[in-house]
Amino acid sequence: MRLSELSGKEIVDIKKAERLGILGQTDLEINEQSGQINALIIPTVKWFGFKRQGNEIRVPWSHIQKIGMDMIIVDIAEYELSE
């Protein structure tokens, strides 16, 4: 799957049934040697399009359950918050 095919998909947490963000408004953690995606990094707070300094949600690639036409379903027990 190409990165362009992932862009614009909504990221949804299956356990909380809540929208986490949209891919394209998130960062990717990429392994520089293999080029594989390690994790999605999603900002937790945005005000008027500006990212507030603070926490973000790190969703490891292994926690992605399904990539559909419109959504990416993730299953994570506890978010890994970064500062």
PDB file of N, CA and C in Angstrom:
ATOM      1  N   MET A   1       0.846  -1.169   0.000  1.00  0.00           N
ATOM      2  CA  MET A   1       0.000   0.000   0.000  1.00  0.00           C
ATOM      3  C   MET A   1       0.898   1.240   0.000  1.00  0.00           C
ATOM      4  N   ARG A   2       0.550   2.205  -0.775  1.00  0.00           N
ATOM      5  CA  ARG A   2       1.311   3.446  -0.864  1.00  0.00           C
ATOM      6  C   ARG A   2       0.840   4.451   0.179  1.00  0.00           C
ATOM      7  N   LEU A   3       1.744   5.329   0.576  1.00  0.00           N
ATOM      8  CA  LEU A   3       1.406   6.368   1.553  1.00  0.00           C
ATOM      9  C   LEU A   3       0.263   7.238   1.043  1.00  0.00           C
ATOM     10  N   SER A   4       0.239   7.521  -0.237  1.00  0.00           N
ATOM     11  CA  SER A   4      -0.837   8.348  -0.800  1.00  0.00           C
ATOM     12  C   SER A   4      -2.208   7.689  -0.633  1.00  0.00           C
ATOM     13  N   GLU A   5      -2.251   6.358  -0.578  1.00  0.00           N
ATOM     14  CA  GLU A   5      -3.511   5.650  -0.377  1.00  0.00           C
ATOM     15  C   GLU A   5      -3.981   5.730   1.075  1.00  0.00           C
ATOM     16  N   LEU A   6      -3.053   5.941   2.008  1.00  0.00           N
ATOM     17  CA  LEU A   6      -3.404   6.062   3.425  1.00  0.00           C
ATOM     18  C   LEU A   6      -3.874   7.466   3.779  1.00  0.00           C
ATOM     19  N   SER A   7      -3.368   8.454   3.067  1.00  0.00           N
ATOM     20  CA  SER A   7      -3.656   9.855   3.379  1.00  0.00           C
ATOM     21  C   SER A   7      -5.154  10.153   3.342  1.00  0.00           C
ATOM     22  N   GLY A   8      -5.617  10.883   4.350  1.00  0.00           N
ATOM     23  CA  GLY A   8      -7.015  11.292   4.416  1.00  0.00           C
ATOM     24  C   GLY A   8      -7.923  10.316   5.154  1.00  0.00           C
ATOM     25  N   LYS A   9      -7.402   9.164   5.527  1.00  0.00           N
ATOM     26  CA  LYS A   9      -8.226   8.190   6.246  1.00  0.00           C
ATOM     27  C   LYS A   9      -8.354   8.587   7.715  1.00  0.00           C
ATOM     28  N   GLU A  10      -9.527   8.383   8.242  1.00  0.00           N
ATOM     29  CA  GLU A  10      -9.820   8.674   9.645  1.00  0.00           C
ATOM     30  C   GLU A  10      -9.256   7.556  10.514  1.00  0.00           C
ATOM     31  N   ILE A  11      -8.615   7.910  11.633  1.00  0.00           N
ATOM     32  CA  ILE A  11      -8.068   6.930  12.563  1.00  0.00           C
ATOM     33  C   ILE A  11      -9.039   6.800  13.726  1.00  0.00           C
ATOM     34  N   VAL A  12      -9.523   5.570  13.972  1.00  0.00           N
ATOM     35  CA  VAL A  12     -10.545   5.332  14.985  1.00  0.00           C
ATOM     36  C   VAL A  12     -10.063   4.264  15.965  1.00  0.00           C
ATOM     37  N   ASP A  13     -10.211   4.555  17.264  1.00  0.00           N
ATOM     38  CA  ASP A  13      -9.881   3.600  18.324  1.00  0.00           C
ATOM     39  C   ASP A  13     -11.085   2.689  18.534  1.00  0.00           C
ATOM     40  N   ILE A  14     -10.901   1.390  18.333  1.00  0.00           N
ATOM     41  CA  ILE A  14     -12.006   0.434  18.419  1.00  0.00           C
ATOM     42  C   ILE A  14     -12.531   0.281  19.847  1.00  0.00           C
ATOM     43  N   LYS A  15     -11.662   0.379  20.861  1.00  0.00           N
ATOM     44  CA  LYS A  15     -12.099   0.182  22.247  1.00  0.00           C
ATOM     45  C   LYS A  15     -12.915   1.352  22.771  1.00  0.00           C
ATOM     46  N   LYS A  16     -12.483   2.564  22.454  1.00  0.00           N
ATOM     47  CA  LYS A  16     -13.195   3.747  22.933  1.00  0.00           C
ATOM     48  C   LYS A  16     -14.215   4.258  21.929  1.00  0.00           C
ATOM     49  N   ALA A  17     -14.213   3.682  20.740  1.00  0.00           N
ATOM     50  CA  ALA A  17     -15.094   4.126  19.657  1.00  0.00           C
ATOM     51  C   ALA A  17     -14.995   5.630  19.480  1.00  0.00           C
ATOM     52  N   GLU A  18     -13.723   6.095  19.391  1.00  0.00           N
ATOM     53  CA  GLU A  18     -13.522   7.535  19.259  1.00  0.00           C
ATOM     54  C   GLU A  18     -12.529   7.833  18.148  1.00  0.00           C
ATOM     55  N   ARG A  19     -12.764   8.936  17.505  1.00  0.00           N
ATOM     56  CA  ARG A  19     -11.919   9.410  16.419  1.00  0.00           C
ATOM     57  C   ARG A  19     -10.649  10.000  17.011  1.00  0.00           C
ATOM     58  N   LEU A  20      -9.501   9.545  16.529  1.00  0.00           N
ATOM     59  CA  LEU A  20      -8.226  10.049  17.022  1.00  0.00           C
ATOM     60  C   LEU A  20      -7.645  11.124  16.119  1.00  0.00           C
ATOM     61  N   GLY A  21      -7.971  11.080  14.853  1.00  0.00           N
ATOM     62  CA  GLY A  21      -7.440  12.062  13.911  1.00  0.00           C
ATOM     63  C   GLY A  21      -7.573  11.568  12.492  1.00  0.00           C
ATOM     64  N   ILE A  22      -6.961  12.298  11.593  1.00  0.00           N
ATOM     65  CA  ILE A  22      -6.981  11.943  10.180  1.00  0.00           C
ATOM     66  C   ILE A  22      -5.538  11.821   9.720  1.00  0.00           C
ATOM     67  N   LEU A  23      -5.238  10.733   9.032  1.00  0.00           N
ATOM     68  CA  LEU A  23      -3.892  10.560   8.520  1.00  0.00           C
ATOM     69  C   LEU A  23      -3.636  11.638   7.481  1.00  0.00           C
ATOM     70  N   GLY A  24      -2.576  12.332   7.642  1.00  0.00           N
ATOM     71  CA  GLY A  24      -2.285  13.512   6.834  1.00  0.00           C
ATOM     72  C   GLY A  24      -2.146  14.696   7.769  1.00  0.00           C
ATOM     73  N   GLN A  25      -2.847  14.629   8.919  1.00  0.00           N
ATOM     74  CA  GLN A  25      -2.705  15.610   9.985  1.00  0.00           C
ATOM     75  C   GLN A  25      -1.856  15.011  11.097  1.00  0.00           C
ATOM     76  N   THR A  26      -1.264  13.861  10.808  1.00  0.00           N
ATOM     77  CA  THR A  26      -0.450  13.161  11.787  1.00  0.00           C
ATOM     78  C   THR A  26       0.968  13.037  11.247  1.00  0.00           C
ATOM     79  N   ASP A  27       1.877  12.638  12.105  1.00  0.00           N
ATOM     80  CA  ASP A  27       3.241  12.348  11.695  1.00  0.00           C
ATOM     81  C   ASP A  27       3.427  10.843  11.667  1.00  0.00           C
ATOM     82  N   LEU A  28       4.414  10.411  10.935  1.00  0.00           N
ATOM     83  CA  LEU A  28       4.745   8.996  10.883  1.00  0.00           C
ATOM     84  C   LEU A  28       6.132   8.802  11.467  1.00  0.00           C
ATOM     85  N   GLU A  29       6.296   7.738  12.236  1.00  0.00           N
ATOM     86  CA  GLU A  29       7.618   7.339  12.723  1.00  0.00           C
ATOM     87  C   GLU A  29       8.086   6.235  11.789  1.00  0.00           C
ATOM     88  N   ILE A  30       9.151   6.512  11.046  1.00  0.00           N
ATOM     89  CA  ILE A  30       9.605   5.596  10.008  1.00  0.00           C
ATOM     90  C   ILE A  30      10.991   5.063  10.349  1.00  0.00           C
ATOM     91  N   ASN A  31      11.183   3.762  10.159  1.00  0.00           N
ATOM     92  CA  ASN A  31      12.483   3.143  10.318  1.00  0.00           C
ATOM     93  C   ASN A  31      13.343   3.576   9.135  1.00  0.00           C
ATOM     94  N   GLU A  32      14.421   4.277   9.416  1.00  0.00           N
ATOM     95  CA  GLU A  32      15.258   4.834   8.350  1.00  0.00           C
ATOM     96  C   GLU A  32      15.965   3.759   7.527  1.00  0.00           C
ATOM     97  N   GLN A  33      16.241   2.623   8.124  1.00  0.00           N
ATOM     98  CA  GLN A  33      16.956   1.572   7.406  1.00  0.00           C
ATOM     99  C   GLN A  33      16.047   0.779   6.484  1.00  0.00           C
ATOM    100  N   SER A  34      14.858   0.415   6.975  1.00  0.00           N
ATOM    101  CA  SER A  34      13.960  -0.425   6.175  1.00  0.00           C
ATOM    102  C   SER A  34      12.903   0.380   5.419  1.00  0.00           C
ATOM    103  N   GLY A  35      12.615   1.600   5.884  1.00  0.00           N
ATOM    104  CA  GLY A  35      11.574   2.409   5.259  1.00  0.00           C
ATOM    105  C   GLY A  35      10.173   2.055   5.726  1.00  0.00           C
ATOM    106  N   GLN A  36      10.062   1.132   6.676  1.00  0.00           N
ATOM    107  CA  GLN A  36       8.751   0.727   7.181  1.00  0.00           C
ATOM    108  C   GLN A  36       8.247   1.718   8.228  1.00  0.00           C
ATOM    109  N   ILE A  37       6.935   1.848   8.313  1.00  0.00           N
ATOM    110  CA  ILE A  37       6.313   2.717   9.302  1.00  0.00           C
ATOM    111  C   ILE A  37       6.293   1.995  10.641  1.00  0.00           C
ATOM    112  N   ASN A  38       6.858   2.628  11.681  1.00  0.00           N
ATOM    113  CA  ASN A  38       6.841   2.053  13.032  1.00  0.00           C
ATOM    114  C   ASN A  38       5.592   2.458  13.798  1.00  0.00           C
ATOM    115  N   ALA A  39       5.149   3.713  13.623  1.00  0.00           N
ATOM    116  CA  ALA A  39       4.026   4.216  14.418  1.00  0.00           C
ATOM    117  C   ALA A  39       3.422   5.448  13.763  1.00  0.00           C
ATOM    118  N   LEU A  40       2.174   5.718  14.139  1.00  0.00           N
ATOM    119  CA  LEU A  40       1.500   6.968  13.790  1.00  0.00           C
ATOM    120  C   LEU A  40       1.604   7.874  15.007  1.00  0.00           C
ATOM    121  N   ILE A  41       1.943   9.133  14.822  1.00  0.00           N
ATOM    122  CA  ILE A  41       2.038  10.099  15.910  1.00  0.00           C
ATOM    123  C   ILE A  41       0.922  11.118  15.685  1.00  0.00           C
ATOM    124  N   ILE A  42      -0.040  11.155  16.626  1.00  0.00           N
ATOM    125  CA  ILE A  42      -1.231  11.988  16.466  1.00  0.00           C
ATOM    126  C   ILE A  42      -1.240  13.070  17.534  1.00  0.00           C
ATOM    127  N   PRO A  43      -1.266  14.358  17.145  1.00  0.00           N
ATOM    128  CA  PRO A  43      -1.366  15.433  18.147  1.00  0.00           C
ATOM    129  C   PRO A  43      -2.684  15.326  18.904  1.00  0.00           C
ATOM    130  N   THR A  44      -2.671  15.548  20.232  1.00  0.00           N
ATOM    131  CA  THR A  44      -3.896  15.411  21.021  1.00  0.00           C
ATOM    132  C   THR A  44      -4.702  16.692  21.081  1.00  0.00           C
ATOM    133  N   VAL A  45      -4.069  17.846  20.929  1.00  0.00           N
ATOM    134  CA  VAL A  45      -4.781  19.115  21.056  1.00  0.00           C
ATOM    135  C   VAL A  45      -4.411  20.020  19.896  1.00  0.00           C
ATOM    136  N   LYS A  46      -5.432  20.575  19.259  1.00  0.00           N
ATOM    137  CA  LYS A  46      -5.225  21.572  18.212  1.00  0.00           C
ATOM    138  C   LYS A  46      -6.175  22.725  18.476  1.00  0.00           C
ATOM    139  N   TRP A  47      -5.679  23.907  18.338  1.00  0.00           N
ATOM    140  CA  TRP A  47      -6.534  25.091  18.439  1.00  0.00           C
ATOM    141  C   TRP A  47      -6.413  25.870  17.152  1.00  0.00           C
ATOM    142  N   PHE A  48      -7.500  25.991  16.431  1.00  0.00           N
ATOM    143  CA  PHE A  48      -7.558  26.769  15.194  1.00  0.00           C
ATOM    144  C   PHE A  48      -6.449  26.377  14.221  1.00  0.00           C
ATOM    145  N   GLY A  49      -6.178  25.082  14.147  1.00  0.00           N
ATOM    146  CA  GLY A  49      -5.203  24.587  13.202  1.00  0.00           C
ATOM    147  C   GLY A  49      -3.765  24.654  13.678  1.00  0.00           C
ATOM    148  N   PHE A  50      -3.530  25.237  14.845  1.00  0.00           N
ATOM    149  CA  PHE A  50      -2.172  25.314  15.362  1.00  0.00           C
ATOM    150  C   PHE A  50      -1.976  24.233  16.409  1.00  0.00           C
ATOM    151  N   LYS A  51      -0.908  23.504  16.288  1.00  0.00           N
ATOM    152  CA  LYS A  51      -0.632  22.439  17.245  1.00  0.00           C
ATOM    153  C   LYS A  51      -0.123  23.042  18.546  1.00  0.00           C
ATOM    154  N   ARG A  52      -0.803  22.746  19.630  1.00  0.00           N
ATOM    155  CA  ARG A  52      -0.362  23.206  20.935  1.00  0.00           C
ATOM    156  C   ARG A  52       0.776  22.313  21.412  1.00  0.00           C
ATOM    157  N   GLN A  53       1.761  22.903  22.033  1.00  0.00           N
ATOM    158  CA  GLN A  53       2.856  22.113  22.582  1.00  0.00           C
ATOM    159  C   GLN A  53       2.287  21.198  23.657  1.00  0.00           C
ATOM    160  N   GLY A  54       2.698  19.968  23.663  1.00  0.00           N
ATOM    161  CA  GLY A  54       2.196  19.072  24.691  1.00  0.00           C
ATOM    162  C   GLY A  54       2.195  17.642  24.251  1.00  0.00           C
ATOM    163  N   ASN A  55       1.180  16.925  24.646  1.00  0.00           N
ATOM    164  CA  ASN A  55       1.120  15.482  24.436  1.00  0.00           C
ATOM    165  C   ASN A  55       0.705  15.118  23.027  1.00  0.00           C
ATOM    166  N   GLU A  56       1.071  13.909  22.676  1.00  0.00           N
ATOM    167  CA  GLU A  56       0.639  13.332  21.417  1.00  0.00           C
ATOM    168  C   GLU A  56       0.422  11.846  21.657  1.00  0.00           C
ATOM    169  N   ILE A  57      -0.367  11.250  20.792  1.00  0.00           N
ATOM    170  CA  ILE A  57      -0.656   9.827  20.905  1.00  0.00           C
ATOM    171  C   ILE A  57       0.248   9.096  19.921  1.00  0.00           C
ATOM    172  N   ARG A  58       0.951   8.092  20.416  1.00  0.00           N
ATOM    173  CA  ARG A  58       1.804   7.254  19.568  1.00  0.00           C
ATOM    174  C   ARG A  58       1.098   5.915  19.397  1.00  0.00           C
ATOM    175  N   VAL A  59       0.715   5.615  18.173  1.00  0.00           N
ATOM    176  CA  VAL A  59       0.023   4.365  17.870  1.00  0.00           C
ATOM    177  C   VAL A  59       0.996   3.458  17.109  1.00  0.00           C
ATOM    178  N   PRO A  60       1.534   2.433  17.766  1.00  0.00           N
ATOM    179  CA  PRO A  60       2.438   1.510  17.075  1.00  0.00           C
ATOM    180  C   PRO A  60       1.734   0.821  15.899  1.00  0.00           C
ATOM    181  N   TRP A  61       2.480   0.589  14.840  1.00  0.00           N
ATOM    182  CA  TRP A  61       1.919  -0.023  13.636  1.00  0.00           C
ATOM    183  C   TRP A  61       1.285  -1.378  13.947  1.00  0.00           C
ATOM    184  N   SER A  62       1.834  -2.097  14.910  1.00  0.00           N
ATOM    185  CA  SER A  62       1.308  -3.421  15.258  1.00  0.00           C
ATOM    186  C   SER A  62      -0.091  -3.350  15.869  1.00  0.00           C
ATOM    187  N   HIS A  63      -0.541  -2.174  16.283  1.00  0.00           N
ATOM    188  CA  HIS A  63      -1.873  -2.024  16.878  1.00  0.00           C
ATOM    189  C   HIS A  63      -2.948  -1.665  15.848  1.00  0.00           C
ATOM    190  N   ILE A  64      -2.557  -1.557  14.597  1.00  0.00           N
ATOM    191  CA  ILE A  64      -3.542  -1.302  13.540  1.00  0.00           C
ATOM    192  C   ILE A  64      -4.223  -2.627  13.208  1.00  0.00           C
ATOM    193  N   GLN A  65      -5.553  -2.650  13.341  1.00  0.00           N
ATOM    194  CA  GLN A  65      -6.324  -3.867  13.120  1.00  0.00           C
ATOM    195  C   GLN A  65      -6.802  -3.999  11.677  1.00  0.00           C
ATOM    196  N   LYS A  66      -7.232  -2.876  11.097  1.00  0.00           N
ATOM    197  CA  LYS A  66      -7.821  -2.934   9.759  1.00  0.00           C
ATOM    198  C   LYS A  66      -7.669  -1.585   9.082  1.00  0.00           C
ATOM    199  N   ILE A  67      -7.325  -1.614   7.816  1.00  0.00           N
ATOM    200  CA  ILE A  67      -7.288  -0.395   7.000  1.00  0.00           C
ATOM    201  C   ILE A  67      -8.373  -0.549   5.946  1.00  0.00           C
ATOM    202  N   GLY A  68      -9.391   0.292   6.060  1.00  0.00           N
ATOM    203  CA  GLY A  68     -10.510   0.227   5.127  1.00  0.00           C
ATOM    204  C   GLY A  68     -10.455   1.348   4.111  1.00  0.00           C
ATOM    205  N   MET A  69     -11.540   1.514   3.372  1.00  0.00           N
ATOM    206  CA  MET A  69     -11.620   2.557   2.341  1.00  0.00           C
ATOM    207  C   MET A  69     -11.569   3.955   2.949  1.00  0.00           C
ATOM    208  N   ASP A  70     -12.208   4.143   4.127  1.00  0.00           N
ATOM    209  CA  ASP A  70     -12.310   5.460   4.731  1.00  0.00           C
ATOM    210  C   ASP A  70     -11.628   5.572   6.081  1.00  0.00           C
ATOM    211  N   MET A  71     -11.346   4.438   6.732  1.00  0.00           N
ATOM    212  CA  MET A  71     -10.855   4.467   8.108  1.00  0.00           C
ATOM    213  C   MET A  71      -9.698   3.517   8.331  1.00  0.00           C
ATOM    214  N   ILE A  72      -8.958   3.842   9.387  1.00  0.00           N
ATOM    215  CA  ILE A  72      -7.938   2.954   9.930  1.00  0.00           C
ATOM    216  C   ILE A  72      -8.391   2.637  11.349  1.00  0.00           C
ATOM    217  N   ILE A  73      -8.648   1.355  11.632  1.00  0.00           N
ATOM    218  CA  ILE A  73      -9.119   0.930  12.951  1.00  0.00           C
ATOM    219  C   ILE A  73      -7.913   0.479  13.766  1.00  0.00           C
ATOM    220  N   VAL A  74      -7.752   1.077  14.961  1.00  0.00           N
ATOM    221  CA  VAL A  74      -6.642   0.707  15.836  1.00  0.00           C
ATOM    222  C   VAL A  74      -7.190   0.134  17.140  1.00  0.00           C
ATOM    223  N   ASP A  75      -6.423  -0.757  17.737  1.00  0.00           N
ATOM    224  CA  ASP A  75      -6.816  -1.390  18.996  1.00  0.00           C
ATOM    225  C   ASP A  75      -5.641  -1.269  19.952  1.00  0.00           C
ATOM    226  N   ILE A  76      -5.712  -0.269  20.810  1.00  0.00           N
ATOM    227  CA  ILE A  76      -4.645  -0.052  21.778  1.00  0.00           C
ATOM    228  C   ILE A  76      -5.242   0.053  23.170  1.00  0.00           C
ATOM    229  N   ALA A  77      -4.663  -0.697  24.094  1.00  0.00           N
ATOM    230  CA  ALA A  77      -5.171  -0.710  25.462  1.00  0.00           C
ATOM    231  C   ALA A  77      -4.900   0.619  26.162  1.00  0.00           C
ATOM    232  N   GLU A  78      -3.717   1.153  25.955  1.00  0.00           N
ATOM    233  CA  GLU A  78      -3.350   2.396  26.610  1.00  0.00           C
ATOM    234  C   GLU A  78      -2.445   3.179  25.664  1.00  0.00           C
ATOM    235  N   TYR A  79      -2.727   4.444  25.507  1.00  0.00           N
ATOM    236  CA  TYR A  79      -1.924   5.274  24.632  1.00  0.00           C
ATOM    237  C   TYR A  79      -0.547   5.510  25.228  1.00  0.00           C
ATOM    238  N   GLU A  80       0.413   5.609  24.328  1.00  0.00           N
ATOM    239  CA  GLU A  80       1.754   5.989  24.750  1.00  0.00           C
ATOM    240  C   GLU A  80       1.857   7.496  24.521  1.00  0.00           C
ATOM    241  N   LEU A  81       1.837   8.245  25.596  1.00  0.00           N
ATOM    242  CA  LEU A  81       1.879   9.697  25.487  1.00  0.00           C
ATOM    243  C   LEU A  81       3.326  10.169  25.484  1.00  0.00           C
ATOM    244  N   SER A  82       3.616  11.104  24.598  1.00  0.00           N
ATOM    245  CA  SER A  82       4.948  11.696  24.523  1.00  0.00           C
ATOM    246  C   SER A  82       4.857  13.163  24.875  1.00  0.00           C
ATOM    247  N   GLU A  83       5.913  13.714  25.391  1.00  0.00           N
ATOM    248  CA  GLU A  83       5.933  15.142  25.716  1.00  0.00           C
ATOM    249  C   GLU A  83       6.918  15.850  24.838  1.00  0.00           C
TER     250      GLU A  83
END
